[in-house]
Protein backbone atom coordinates (compact mmCIF):
# COMPACT_ATOMS: atom_id res chain seq x y z
CA MET A 1 30.71 12.41 23.91
CA ARG A 2 29.49 9.01 22.63
CA ARG A 3 28.78 8.79 18.91
CA ILE A 4 25.62 6.88 17.98
CA ASP A 5 24.46 6.78 14.37
CA PHE A 6 20.83 7.19 13.42
CA VAL A 7 20.68 3.83 11.62
CA THR A 8 21.43 2.08 14.91
CA LEU A 9 18.88 4.21 16.76
CA ARG A 10 16.22 3.38 14.18
CA LEU A 11 17.13 -0.27 14.47
CA PHE A 12 16.88 -0.16 18.26
CA VAL A 13 13.39 1.38 18.04
CA ALA A 14 12.39 -1.42 15.65
CA ILE A 15 13.68 -4.03 18.12
CA ALA A 16 11.76 -2.40 20.96
CA GLU A 17 8.54 -2.28 18.94
CA THR A 18 8.75 -5.82 17.54
CA ARG A 19 10.42 -7.35 20.65
CA SER A 20 12.46 -9.47 18.27
CA LEU A 21 15.88 -9.14 16.63
CA THR A 22 14.68 -11.24 13.70
CA ARG A 23 11.55 -9.19 13.02
CA ALA A 24 13.51 -5.95 13.45
CA ALA A 25 16.08 -7.18 10.93
CA GLU A 26 13.29 -7.93 8.44
CA ARG A 27 11.66 -4.55 9.03
CA GLU A 28 14.91 -2.64 8.55
CA HIS A 29 16.11 -4.86 5.67
CA LEU A 30 19.29 -5.92 7.45
CA ALA A 31 20.92 -9.29 8.04
CA LEU A 32 20.27 -10.78 11.47
CA ALA A 33 23.99 -11.04 12.16
CA ALA A 34 24.43 -7.33 11.37
CA VAL A 35 21.58 -6.45 13.72
CA SER A 36 23.05 -8.53 16.54
CA LYS A 37 26.47 -6.94 16.07
CA ARG A 38 25.07 -3.40 16.04
CA VAL A 39 23.22 -4.02 19.31
CA SER A 40 26.28 -5.58 20.94
CA ASP A 41 28.48 -2.69 19.77
CA LEU A 42 25.92 -0.18 21.07
CA GLU A 43 25.79 -1.85 24.48
CA GLY A 44 29.58 -1.93 24.60
CA GLN A 45 29.83 1.73 23.62
CA LEU A 46 27.28 2.79 26.25
CA GLY A 47 28.57 0.41 28.90
CA VAL A 48 25.09 -0.88 29.80
CA SER A 49 22.83 -3.79 28.90
CA LEU A 50 19.89 -2.66 26.81
CA LEU A 51 18.03 -5.94 26.25
CA TYR A 52 17.02 -9.01 28.18
CA ARG A 53 17.54 -11.91 25.74
CA GLN A 54 14.78 -14.49 26.15
CA PRO A 55 13.90 -17.68 24.22
CA LYS A 56 10.84 -16.05 22.65
CA GLY A 57 12.30 -12.62 21.99
CA VAL A 58 13.74 -9.66 23.85
CA GLU A 59 12.59 -7.17 26.48
CA LEU A 60 14.05 -3.77 27.28
CA THR A 61 16.11 -3.23 30.40
CA PRO A 62 15.56 0.02 32.34
CA ALA A 63 18.48 1.50 30.39
CA GLY A 64 16.84 0.27 27.19
CA HIS A 65 13.61 2.07 28.04
CA ALA A 66 15.56 5.28 28.65
CA LEU A 67 17.34 4.95 25.30
CA LEU A 68 14.05 4.22 23.52
CA HIS A 69 12.51 7.44 24.81
CA HIS A 70 15.41 9.58 23.58
CA ALA A 71 15.82 7.62 20.34
CA ARG A 72 12.21 8.28 19.37
CA ASN A 73 12.60 11.98 20.11
CA LEU A 74 15.82 12.22 18.11
CA LEU A 75 14.42 10.34 15.13
CA ASP A 76 11.25 12.41 15.18
CA ASN A 77 13.29 15.62 15.27
CA LEU A 78 15.46 14.35 12.42
CA GLN A 79 12.39 13.51 10.35
CA GLN A 80 10.91 16.91 11.06
CA LEU A 81 14.19 18.61 10.12
CA ASP A 82 14.32 16.71 6.85
CA ALA A 83 10.70 17.55 6.06
CA ASP A 84 11.14 21.24 6.87
CA LEU A 85 14.32 21.61 4.83
CA SER A 86 12.94 19.73 1.83
CA GLU A 87 9.87 21.96 1.85
CA PHE A 88 12.03 25.10 2.01
CA SER A 89 13.92 23.85 -1.04
CA GLN A 90 10.56 23.53 -2.83
CA GLY A 91 9.43 27.00 -1.89
CA VAL A 92 7.38 26.04 1.17
CA LYS A 93 8.14 28.21 4.19
CA GLY A 94 6.78 26.07 6.97
CA HIS A 95 5.06 22.86 7.95
CA VAL A 96 2.62 22.07 10.75
CA ARG A 97 1.13 18.72 11.73
CA ILE A 98 -2.30 18.47 13.34
CA HIS A 99 -4.14 15.43 14.68
CA ALA A 100 -7.80 16.08 15.49
CA ASN A 101 -10.90 14.15 16.45
CA THR A 102 -13.77 13.79 14.02
CA SER A 103 -15.90 16.48 15.65
CA ALA A 104 -13.22 19.11 15.13
CA VAL A 105 -12.48 17.94 11.58
CA ILE A 106 -16.12 18.13 10.53
CA GLU A 107 -17.40 21.08 12.56
CA PHE A 108 -14.63 23.65 12.87
CA LEU A 109 -11.35 22.93 11.12
CA PRO A 110 -12.47 23.40 7.49
CA GLU A 111 -13.11 27.11 8.06
CA ASP A 112 -10.26 27.60 10.54
CA LEU A 113 -7.61 25.99 8.35
CA SER A 114 -8.93 27.69 5.24
CA ALA A 115 -8.55 31.07 6.95
CA PHE A 116 -4.99 30.18 8.03
CA ALA A 117 -4.07 29.00 4.52
CA ARG A 118 -5.25 32.31 3.04
CA GLN A 119 -3.04 34.22 5.48
CA HIS A 120 -0.06 31.86 5.09
CA PRO A 121 -0.25 30.25 1.63
CA GLU A 122 3.38 29.14 1.85
CA VAL A 123 2.72 26.85 4.86
CA LYS A 124 2.03 23.14 4.38
CA ILE A 125 -0.66 21.73 6.70
CA ASP A 126 -0.80 18.00 7.45
CA LEU A 127 -4.13 17.11 9.07
CA GLU A 128 -4.94 13.60 10.27
CA GLU A 129 -8.35 12.60 11.62
CA ARG A 130 -7.94 10.45 14.74
CA VAL A 131 -10.01 9.54 17.78
CA SER A 132 -9.12 11.62 20.83
CA SER A 133 -7.14 8.83 22.51
CA ASP A 134 -4.94 8.41 19.40
CA THR A 135 -4.51 12.18 19.14
CA LEU A 136 -3.26 12.34 22.73
CA ARG A 137 -0.92 9.42 22.12
CA ALA A 138 0.50 11.14 19.04
CA LEU A 139 1.13 14.31 21.05
CA ARG A 140 2.93 12.41 23.80
CA GLU A 141 5.09 10.54 21.30
CA GLY A 142 5.95 13.68 19.30
CA LEU A 143 4.13 12.49 16.18
CA THR A 144 2.13 15.70 15.80
CA ASP A 145 2.64 19.36 16.66
CA ILE A 146 -0.93 20.19 17.69
CA GLY A 147 -3.74 17.93 18.84
CA ILE A 148 -7.46 18.63 19.13
CA PHE A 149 -9.41 16.29 21.39
CA ALA A 150 -12.42 15.98 23.68
CA GLY A 151 -11.99 18.07 26.82
CA HIS A 152 -12.91 15.29 29.25
CA MET A 153 -9.89 13.19 28.21
CA PRO A 154 -6.99 13.19 30.75
CA ALA A 155 -4.15 15.42 29.49
CA GLU A 156 -2.40 16.68 32.63
CA ASP A 157 1.05 15.97 31.15
CA LEU A 158 0.39 18.24 28.14
CA GLN A 159 -0.06 21.97 27.69
CA VAL A 160 -3.74 22.47 26.96
CA PHE A 161 -5.76 25.42 25.62
CA PRO A 162 -9.49 25.90 24.95
CA TYR A 163 -10.63 25.49 21.36
CA ARG A 164 -14.40 25.21 20.83
CA GLU A 165 -17.59 23.81 22.30
CA ASP A 166 -20.00 21.47 20.58
CA ARG A 167 -23.45 20.32 21.60
CA LEU A 168 -24.46 16.68 21.71
CA VAL A 169 -27.96 15.67 20.63
CA LEU A 170 -29.98 12.48 20.56
CA VAL A 171 -30.52 11.25 17.00
CA THR A 172 -33.52 9.05 16.18
CA PRO A 173 -35.38 7.77 13.13
CA ARG A 174 -37.98 10.30 12.00
CA GLU A 175 -40.89 8.12 13.17
CA HIS A 176 -39.32 7.10 16.50
CA PRO A 177 -41.36 7.64 19.71
CA LEU A 178 -38.75 10.13 20.98
CA ALA A 179 -38.44 12.09 17.73
CA GLY A 180 -41.06 14.69 18.66
CA ARG A 181 -39.55 15.65 22.02
CA GLU A 182 -38.32 19.24 22.47
CA CYS A 183 -35.49 18.02 24.69
CA ILE A 184 -34.55 14.89 26.60
CA ALA A 185 -32.20 13.50 29.24
CA LEU A 186 -30.13 10.44 28.35
CA ARG A 187 -31.78 8.50 31.17
CA GLU A 188 -35.14 8.73 29.39
CA ALA A 189 -33.69 7.14 26.24
CA ALA A 190 -31.76 4.35 27.96
CA GLY A 191 -34.44 1.72 27.27
CA PHE A 192 -33.93 1.90 23.50
CA ASP A 193 -31.25 0.25 21.33
CA PHE A 194 -28.23 2.50 20.68
CA ILE A 195 -25.83 2.74 17.76
CA GLY A 196 -22.40 3.87 18.99
CA LEU A 197 -18.77 4.40 18.06
CA GLN A 198 -15.90 1.99 18.61
CA GLN A 199 -14.49 1.43 22.10
CA ASP A 200 -11.53 3.83 21.80
CA ALA A 201 -13.61 6.85 20.76
CA SER A 202 -13.92 9.61 23.37
CA LEU A 203 -17.66 9.96 22.73
CA HIS A 204 -18.15 6.27 23.51
CA ALA A 205 -16.22 6.70 26.78
CA LEU A 206 -18.28 9.77 27.68
CA LEU A 207 -21.59 7.94 27.14
CA GLN A 208 -20.46 4.89 29.08
CA GLN A 209 -19.29 7.07 31.97
CA SER A 210 -22.62 8.92 32.00
CA ALA A 211 -24.55 5.65 31.93
CA GLN A 212 -22.56 4.36 34.91
CA GLN A 213 -23.23 7.54 36.87
CA MET A 214 -26.99 7.30 36.32
CA GLY A 215 -26.97 3.56 37.07
CA THR A 216 -28.67 2.63 33.80
CA PRO A 217 -26.50 0.83 31.22
CA LEU A 218 -27.07 1.67 27.55
CA ARG A 219 -28.26 -1.08 25.24
CA LEU A 220 -25.46 -0.75 22.71
CA ARG A 221 -26.66 -2.77 19.71
CA ILE A 222 -24.09 -1.86 17.05
CA GLN A 223 -20.70 -0.12 17.11
CA VAL A 224 -19.28 1.52 13.99
CA ARG A 225 -16.27 3.67 13.13
CA SER A 226 -17.78 6.93 11.87
CA PHE A 227 -20.49 9.49 12.55
CA GLU A 228 -21.88 8.96 9.06
CA ALA A 229 -22.25 5.22 9.71
CA ILE A 230 -24.19 5.95 12.92
CA CYS A 231 -26.54 8.27 11.03
CA ARG A 232 -27.11 5.70 8.30
CA MET A 233 -27.84 2.96 10.83
CA ILE A 234 -30.34 5.25 12.57
CA HIS A 235 -31.86 6.15 9.20
CA THR A 236 -32.64 2.45 8.60
CA GLY A 237 -34.29 2.11 12.03
CA MET A 238 -31.56 0.06 13.71
CA GLY A 239 -31.48 2.24 16.82
CA ILE A 240 -30.78 5.71 18.19
CA GLY A 241 -27.52 7.49 18.96
CA VAL A 242 -25.76 10.53 20.41
CA LEU A 243 -23.79 12.80 18.07
CA PRO A 244 -22.58 16.42 17.81
CA GLU A 245 -25.38 18.66 16.56
CA GLN A 246 -23.44 20.19 13.69
CA VAL A 247 -22.41 16.77 12.42
CA VAL A 248 -26.04 15.65 12.29
CA ARG A 249 -27.06 18.82 10.43
CA ASN A 250 -24.62 17.87 7.69
CA TYR A 251 -26.54 14.61 7.13
CA LEU A 252 -30.12 15.78 7.77
CA PRO A 253 -30.92 16.66 4.12
CA ALA A 254 -29.97 13.17 2.92
CA LEU A 255 -31.19 10.99 5.79
CA ASP A 256 -34.58 10.60 7.42
CA VAL A 257 -33.48 11.24 11.01
CA ALA A 258 -34.51 13.65 13.77
CA MET A 259 -32.45 15.20 16.53
CA VAL A 260 -33.48 16.07 20.07
CA PRO A 261 -31.34 18.34 22.31
CA LEU A 262 -29.93 16.59 25.39
CA THR A 263 -30.44 18.31 28.75
CA ASP A 264 -27.52 16.55 30.46
CA VAL A 265 -24.71 18.88 31.59
CA TRP A 266 -22.07 16.85 29.75
CA ALA A 267 -23.95 17.32 26.46
CA ARG A 268 -22.17 20.66 26.07
CA ARG A 269 -18.74 19.32 25.31
CA GLU A 270 -15.43 21.18 25.24
CA LEU A 271 -12.82 20.58 22.57
CA LYS A 272 -9.24 21.28 23.61
CA LEU A 273 -6.02 22.16 21.83
CA GLY A 274 -2.91 20.43 23.13
CA VAL A 275 0.84 20.56 22.57
CA ARG A 276 3.60 18.56 24.18
CA ASN A 277 5.87 21.52 24.86
CA LEU A 278 5.03 25.06 23.81
CA GLU A 279 8.67 26.15 23.95
CA SER A 280 9.80 23.50 21.47
CA LEU A 281 7.15 24.27 18.83
CA SER A 282 8.36 25.56 15.49
CA VAL A 283 7.51 29.12 14.53
CA THR A 284 4.94 27.79 12.05
CA ALA A 285 3.26 25.57 14.64
CA ARG A 286 3.10 28.52 17.06
CA LEU A 287 1.41 30.61 14.37
CA MET A 288 -1.16 27.86 13.88
CA LEU A 289 -1.76 27.50 17.61
CA GLU A 290 -2.26 31.26 17.98
CA HIS A 291 -4.62 31.27 15.00
CA LEU A 292 -6.74 28.42 16.40
CA THR A 293 -6.96 29.96 19.87
CA LEU A 294 -7.97 33.29 18.37
CA ARG A 295 -10.64 31.56 16.31
CA GLU A 296 -11.97 30.12 19.57
CA GLY A 297 -12.20 33.62 20.99
CA GLN A 298 -14.24 34.78 17.97
CA SER A 299 -16.71 31.87 18.06
């Protein structure tokens, strides 16, 4: 069995990500000559070429891509092992990582995670708020145990479970012409200026897809990075927007905005739980997954 040390694996990942021996050496605080020797020794040990050396940097060979995949998994597992063991030494009896989109973080996770923490006070919970596309990427790369994301996002390569549903509404300034409507279809609002999220947000993709299907592009005036920013822009009369109902209710007391239920089918949106491999989850992560799926059944 070939022996490969973790320092070399970490260095190889740095080379793959920076596409440069020099930048990898700087990132890992090693001399360039030492980096070059480690790579040459690794290629000699494995009997394959891992890099295409080019004047402006390096590219991975097919064998290099295969090594990168396994190196990331091994380093992630090593990091997780170190984290778990250090927490046990400090009295913590488990650790679970969750990446979730903003809707889940605002609408559902505060109560769900609070209930879990009361049942398992010894477990450390790491929660990161990410857009759905980043959450899916983190799952695929092994950077999180559990992901929560918009249900319309492609996730065929993951193991997916239902979590919750949220309802999207049209948000307008209080004195807007549409503010008094009992309900509305997106098509009827398409002639007004919209405030939206950044390009990589799942809600932005959903609205753009819906606009394409109805053949009426949205007049996207401003794009921001948070639900709160959308609400504040609408409050000042800069436009209208589409947001989860519960999110808007959180801001209604402070901002002069109105919300109108959307009649479009896609306005009832599913949130999904995802894991990369159920069998490889830690006991703690399995407990969390079971807790979250049970909470879905009670909602």
